[in-house]
Amino acid sequence: RGILFTFGKFSRILKPGWNIVLPVIQSFKKVDVRTKAVDVPEQEAITKDNVSIKINAVIYYKVFDASKAIIEVENFKYAVSQLAQTTMRNAVGAVTLDELLSQREKISEEICKIIDKATDDWGIKVENVELKDIALPEEMKRVMLKQKEKNKP
C-alpha cells in the first residue's frame, strides 16, 4: 500500500496499480502488507528461580492498517523488534526454568498476545511468536548431566 501525503498531511491510502502523485505538492510512503518474519536477537534473561539463560525467537507479523503503521509510530519494524525483546525478557522473568523448558508453547502464546495487544494501535497484527533456542549456562548443563547419571540404575 502507499500512504499519500499532500503538503505533509495524510490524504489517503493508495491501492496497488496506477496512481498519480504530484511532485512537490504530494509525497508517499510505501508499506509492505505481507507477513514478515523477524528474528528477535538473542537476549540474556533471568528466570524466576534466578537462572541466567540466553533466548531468541522469531516473530511473525502483518500490517493491517498501513496509515497507522506510518503515522502512529516512527519506525514500526524497529518498534516491533524492540517490543518483542523486552516482552520476551519479562515473560522469561515471570517463570521458572522448568516451566520455561516444559511450557514453551504456552509462553510463546502469552508473548504473542502481549505484543499483539500493544501493536494494535500501530496497525500491526502479530500472528505468531516462536521461541527458537534456549541456551543454558555451562554450569547448569554439567549439573543436569551429573543428576542424570546419578538417576541411572
C-alpha atoms as a PDB file:
ATOM      1  CA  ARG A   1       0.000   0.000   0.000  1.00  0.00           C
ATOM      2  CA  GLY A   2       1.010   3.604  -0.417  1.00  0.00           C
ATOM      3  CA  ILE A   3       0.308   6.354   2.085  1.00  0.00           C
ATOM      4  CA  LEU A   4      -0.289   9.653   0.253  1.00  0.00           C
ATOM      5  CA  PHE A   5       0.579  12.957   1.905  1.00  0.00           C
ATOM      6  CA  THR A   6      -0.494  16.304   0.445  1.00  0.00           C
ATOM      7  CA  PHE A   7       1.509  19.260   1.768  1.00  0.00           C
ATOM      8  CA  GLY A   8       2.754  16.901   4.507  1.00  0.00           C
ATOM      9  CA  LYS A   9      -0.746  15.965   5.695  1.00  0.00           C
ATOM     10  CA  PHE A  10      -2.212  12.461   5.360  1.00  0.00           C
ATOM     11  CA  SER A  11      -4.579  12.330   2.363  1.00  0.00           C
ATOM     12  CA  ARG A  12      -5.438   8.721   1.626  1.00  0.00           C
ATOM     13  CA  ILE A  13      -4.211   5.178   1.118  1.00  0.00           C
ATOM     14  CA  LEU A  14      -3.130   4.326  -2.417  1.00  0.00           C
ATOM     15  CA  LYS A  15      -4.180   0.895  -3.671  1.00  0.00           C
ATOM     16  CA  PRO A  16      -1.928  -1.203  -5.930  1.00  0.00           C
ATOM     17  CA  GLY A  17      -1.913  -0.118  -9.565  1.00  0.00           C
ATOM     18  CA  TRP A  18      -1.513   3.217 -11.300  1.00  0.00           C
ATOM     19  CA  ASN A  19      -1.640   6.249  -9.025  1.00  0.00           C
ATOM     20  CA  ILE A  20      -0.794   9.845  -9.829  1.00  0.00           C
ATOM     21  CA  VAL A  21       1.389  11.704  -7.334  1.00  0.00           C
ATOM     22  CA  LEU A  22       2.007  15.401  -7.967  1.00  0.00           C
ATOM     23  CA  PRO A  23       5.678  16.189  -7.255  1.00  0.00           C
ATOM     24  CA  VAL A  24       6.411  18.894  -4.641  1.00  0.00           C
ATOM     25  CA  ILE A  25       2.748  19.018  -3.547  1.00  0.00           C
ATOM     26  CA  GLN A  26       2.382  15.335  -2.733  1.00  0.00           C
ATOM     27  CA  SER A  27       4.610  12.563  -1.420  1.00  0.00           C
ATOM     28  CA  PHE A  28       4.020   8.959  -0.476  1.00  0.00           C
ATOM     29  CA  LYS A  29       5.467   6.157   1.610  1.00  0.00           C
ATOM     30  CA  LYS A  30       5.254   2.532   0.553  1.00  0.00           C
ATOM     31  CA  VAL A  31       4.237  -0.100   3.118  1.00  0.00           C
ATOM     32  CA  ASP A  32       4.605  -3.823   2.511  1.00  0.00           C
ATOM     33  CA  VAL A  33       1.471  -5.541   3.897  1.00  0.00           C
ATOM     34  CA  ARG A  34       2.752  -9.108   3.526  1.00  0.00           C
ATOM     35  CA  THR A  35       3.529 -11.224   6.585  1.00  0.00           C
ATOM     36  CA  LYS A  36       7.057 -10.607   7.822  1.00  0.00           C
ATOM     37  CA  ALA A  37       9.275 -12.961   9.828  1.00  0.00           C
ATOM     38  CA  VAL A  38      11.634 -11.089  12.116  1.00  0.00           C
ATOM     39  CA  ASP A  39      14.440 -12.715  14.061  1.00  0.00           C
ATOM     40  CA  VAL A  40      14.482 -11.418  17.626  1.00  0.00           C
ATOM     41  CA  PRO A  41      18.180 -11.334  18.591  1.00  0.00           C
ATOM     42  CA  GLU A  42      19.483 -13.479  21.414  1.00  0.00           C
ATOM     43  CA  GLN A  43      18.574 -11.958  24.773  1.00  0.00           C
ATOM     44  CA  GLU A  44      20.086 -12.682  28.140  1.00  0.00           C
ATOM     45  CA  ALA A  45      17.346 -13.129  30.708  1.00  0.00           C
ATOM     46  CA  ILE A  46      16.997 -14.333  34.289  1.00  0.00           C
ATOM     47  CA  THR A  47      14.226 -16.764  35.181  1.00  0.00           C
ATOM     48  CA  LYS A  48      12.081 -16.560  38.296  1.00  0.00           C
ATOM     49  CA  ASP A  49      14.414 -19.048  40.025  1.00  0.00           C
ATOM     50  CA  ASN A  50      17.473 -16.859  39.218  1.00  0.00           C
ATOM     51  CA  VAL A  51      18.938 -18.912  36.375  1.00  0.00           C
ATOM     52  CA  SER A  52      20.648 -16.829  33.697  1.00  0.00           C
ATOM     53  CA  ILE A  53      19.773 -18.034  30.194  1.00  0.00           C
ATOM     54  CA  LYS A  54      20.062 -16.853  26.613  1.00  0.00           C
ATOM     55  CA  ILE A  55      16.926 -16.998  24.497  1.00  0.00           C
ATOM     56  CA  ASN A  56      15.966 -15.963  20.979  1.00  0.00           C
ATOM     57  CA  ALA A  57      12.782 -16.088  18.951  1.00  0.00           C
ATOM     58  CA  VAL A  58      11.079 -15.399  15.644  1.00  0.00           C
ATOM     59  CA  ILE A  59       8.062 -13.106  15.418  1.00  0.00           C
ATOM     60  CA  TYR A  60       5.581 -13.164  12.522  1.00  0.00           C
ATOM     61  CA  TYR A  61       3.526 -10.028  11.953  1.00  0.00           C
ATOM     62  CA  LYS A  62       1.464  -8.318   9.280  1.00  0.00           C
ATOM     63  CA  VAL A  63       0.468  -4.681   8.702  1.00  0.00           C
ATOM     64  CA  PHE A  64      -3.337  -4.444   8.625  1.00  0.00           C
ATOM     65  CA  ASP A  65      -3.588  -0.639   8.578  1.00  0.00           C
ATOM     66  CA  ALA A  66      -0.798   0.947   6.532  1.00  0.00           C
ATOM     67  CA  SER A  67      -1.679   4.509   7.518  1.00  0.00           C
ATOM     68  CA  LYS A  68      -1.380   3.755  11.245  1.00  0.00           C
ATOM     69  CA  ALA A  69       1.922   1.916  10.696  1.00  0.00           C
ATOM     70  CA  ILE A  70       3.406   5.086   9.181  1.00  0.00           C
ATOM     71  CA  ILE A  71       1.650   7.797  11.209  1.00  0.00           C
ATOM     72  CA  GLU A  72       1.366   6.292  14.722  1.00  0.00           C
ATOM     73  CA  VAL A  73       4.952   5.043  15.124  1.00  0.00           C
ATOM     74  CA  GLU A  74       8.223   6.332  13.676  1.00  0.00           C
ATOM     75  CA  ASN A  75       9.710   3.013  12.524  1.00  0.00           C
ATOM     76  CA  PHE A  76       7.267   0.154  13.008  1.00  0.00           C
ATOM     77  CA  LYS A  77       9.812  -2.579  12.133  1.00  0.00           C
ATOM     78  CA  TYR A  78      12.254  -1.390  14.794  1.00  0.00           C
ATOM     79  CA  ALA A  79       9.446  -0.792  17.313  1.00  0.00           C
ATOM     80  CA  VAL A  80       8.058  -4.323  16.897  1.00  0.00           C
ATOM     81  CA  SER A  81      11.537  -5.810  17.322  1.00  0.00           C
ATOM     82  CA  GLN A  82      12.246  -3.799  20.485  1.00  0.00           C
ATOM     83  CA  LEU A  83       8.831  -4.594  21.950  1.00  0.00           C
ATOM     84  CA  ALA A  84       9.384  -8.308  21.266  1.00  0.00           C
ATOM     85  CA  GLN A  85      12.769  -8.232  23.007  1.00  0.00           C
ATOM     86  CA  THR A  86      11.520  -6.568  26.175  1.00  0.00           C
ATOM     87  CA  THR A  87       8.346  -8.653  26.313  1.00  0.00           C
ATOM     88  CA  MET A  88      10.368 -11.856  25.894  1.00  0.00           C
ATOM     89  CA  ARG A  89      12.701 -10.895  28.778  1.00  0.00           C
ATOM     90  CA  ASN A  90       9.724 -10.015  31.009  1.00  0.00           C
ATOM     91  CA  ALA A  91       7.908 -13.277  30.203  1.00  0.00           C
ATOM     92  CA  VAL A  92      11.023 -15.337  30.945  1.00  0.00           C
ATOM     93  CA  GLY A  93      11.495 -13.497  34.235  1.00  0.00           C
ATOM     94  CA  ALA A  94       7.996 -14.494  35.333  1.00  0.00           C
ATOM     95  CA  VAL A  95       8.537 -18.278  35.031  1.00  0.00           C
ATOM     96  CA  THR A  96      10.976 -20.838  36.426  1.00  0.00           C
ATOM     97  CA  LEU A  97      13.485 -22.654  34.225  1.00  0.00           C
ATOM     98  CA  ASP A  98      11.458 -25.863  34.442  1.00  0.00           C
ATOM     99  CA  GLU A  99       8.274 -24.075  33.333  1.00  0.00           C
ATOM    100  CA  LEU A 100      10.163 -22.375  30.503  1.00  0.00           C
ATOM    101  CA  LEU A 101      11.521 -25.662  29.172  1.00  0.00           C
ATOM    102  CA  SER A 102       8.301 -27.643  29.577  1.00  0.00           C
ATOM    103  CA  GLN A 103       5.744 -24.996  28.504  1.00  0.00           C
ATOM    104  CA  ARG A 104       7.372 -23.265  25.537  1.00  0.00           C
ATOM    105  CA  GLU A 105       4.129 -23.186  23.530  1.00  0.00           C
ATOM    106  CA  LYS A 106       2.156 -21.555  26.342  1.00  0.00           C
ATOM    107  CA  ILE A 107       4.850 -18.924  26.944  1.00  0.00           C
ATOM    108  CA  SER A 108       5.088 -18.208  23.192  1.00  0.00           C
ATOM    109  CA  GLU A 109       1.321 -17.663  23.047  1.00  0.00           C
ATOM    110  CA  GLU A 110       1.458 -15.333  26.055  1.00  0.00           C
ATOM    111  CA  ILE A 111       4.251 -13.268  24.475  1.00  0.00           C
ATOM    112  CA  CYS A 112       2.268 -13.156  21.212  1.00  0.00           C
ATOM    113  CA  LYS A 113      -0.881 -11.871  22.968  1.00  0.00           C
ATOM    114  CA  ILE A 114       1.026  -9.147  24.820  1.00  0.00           C
ATOM    115  CA  ILE A 115       2.841  -7.902  21.698  1.00  0.00           C
ATOM    116  CA  ASP A 116      -0.326  -8.094  19.559  1.00  0.00           C
ATOM    117  CA  LYS A 117      -2.294  -6.006  22.044  1.00  0.00           C
ATOM    118  CA  ALA A 118       0.470  -3.375  22.197  1.00  0.00           C
ATOM    119  CA  THR A 119       0.834  -3.153  18.393  1.00  0.00           C
ATOM    120  CA  ASP A 120      -2.890  -2.827  17.601  1.00  0.00           C
ATOM    121  CA  ASP A 121      -2.603   0.972  17.846  1.00  0.00           C
ATOM    122  CA  TRP A 122       0.172   0.819  15.224  1.00  0.00           C
ATOM    123  CA  GLY A 123      -1.967  -1.071  12.697  1.00  0.00           C
ATOM    124  CA  ILE A 124       0.030  -4.289  13.143  1.00  0.00           C
ATOM    125  CA  LYS A 125      -1.277  -7.804  13.789  1.00  0.00           C
ATOM    126  CA  VAL A 126       1.177 -10.213  15.429  1.00  0.00           C
ATOM    127  CA  GLU A 127       0.344 -13.654  14.065  1.00  0.00           C
ATOM    128  CA  ASN A 128       2.818 -15.852  15.943  1.00  0.00           C
ATOM    129  CA  VAL A 129       5.884 -15.895  18.180  1.00  0.00           C
ATOM    130  CA  GLU A 130       8.161 -18.943  18.251  1.00  0.00           C
ATOM    131  CA  LEU A 131      10.888 -19.405  20.834  1.00  0.00           C
ATOM    132  CA  LYS A 132      13.783 -20.727  18.752  1.00  0.00           C
ATOM    133  CA  ASP A 133      16.547 -21.513  21.167  1.00  0.00           C
ATOM    134  CA  ILE A 134      17.019 -21.554  24.917  1.00  0.00           C
ATOM    135  CA  ALA A 135      20.699 -21.747  25.871  1.00  0.00           C
ATOM    136  CA  LEU A 136      21.537 -22.819  29.403  1.00  0.00           C
ATOM    137  CA  PRO A 137      24.778 -21.814  31.123  1.00  0.00           C
ATOM    138  CA  GLU A 138      27.565 -24.432  31.001  1.00  0.00           C
ATOM    139  CA  GLU A 139      27.489 -24.952  34.789  1.00  0.00           C
ATOM    140  CA  MET A 140      23.769 -25.749  34.624  1.00  0.00           C
ATOM    141  CA  LYS A 141      24.344 -28.272  31.826  1.00  0.00           C
ATOM    142  CA  ARG A 142      27.043 -30.031  33.904  1.00  0.00           C
ATOM    143  CA  VAL A 143      24.806 -30.203  36.979  1.00  0.00           C
ATOM    144  CA  MET A 144      21.928 -31.634  34.922  1.00  0.00           C
ATOM    145  CA  LEU A 145      24.248 -34.232  33.348  1.00  0.00           C
ATOM    146  CA  LYS A 146      25.550 -35.302  36.784  1.00  0.00           C
ATOM    147  CA  GLN A 147      21.977 -35.582  38.081  1.00  0.00           C
ATOM    148  CA  LYS A 148      21.007 -37.709  35.080  1.00  0.00           C
ATOM    149  CA  GLU A 149      23.981 -40.066  35.695  1.00  0.00           C
ATOM    150  CA  LYS A 150      23.036 -40.451  39.360  1.00  0.00           C
ATOM    151  CA  ASN A 151      19.491 -41.459  38.435  1.00  0.00           C
ATOM    152  CA  LYS A 152      20.654 -44.269  36.113  1.00  0.00           C
ATOM    153  CA  PRO A 153      20.378 -47.789  37.651  1.00  0.00           C
END
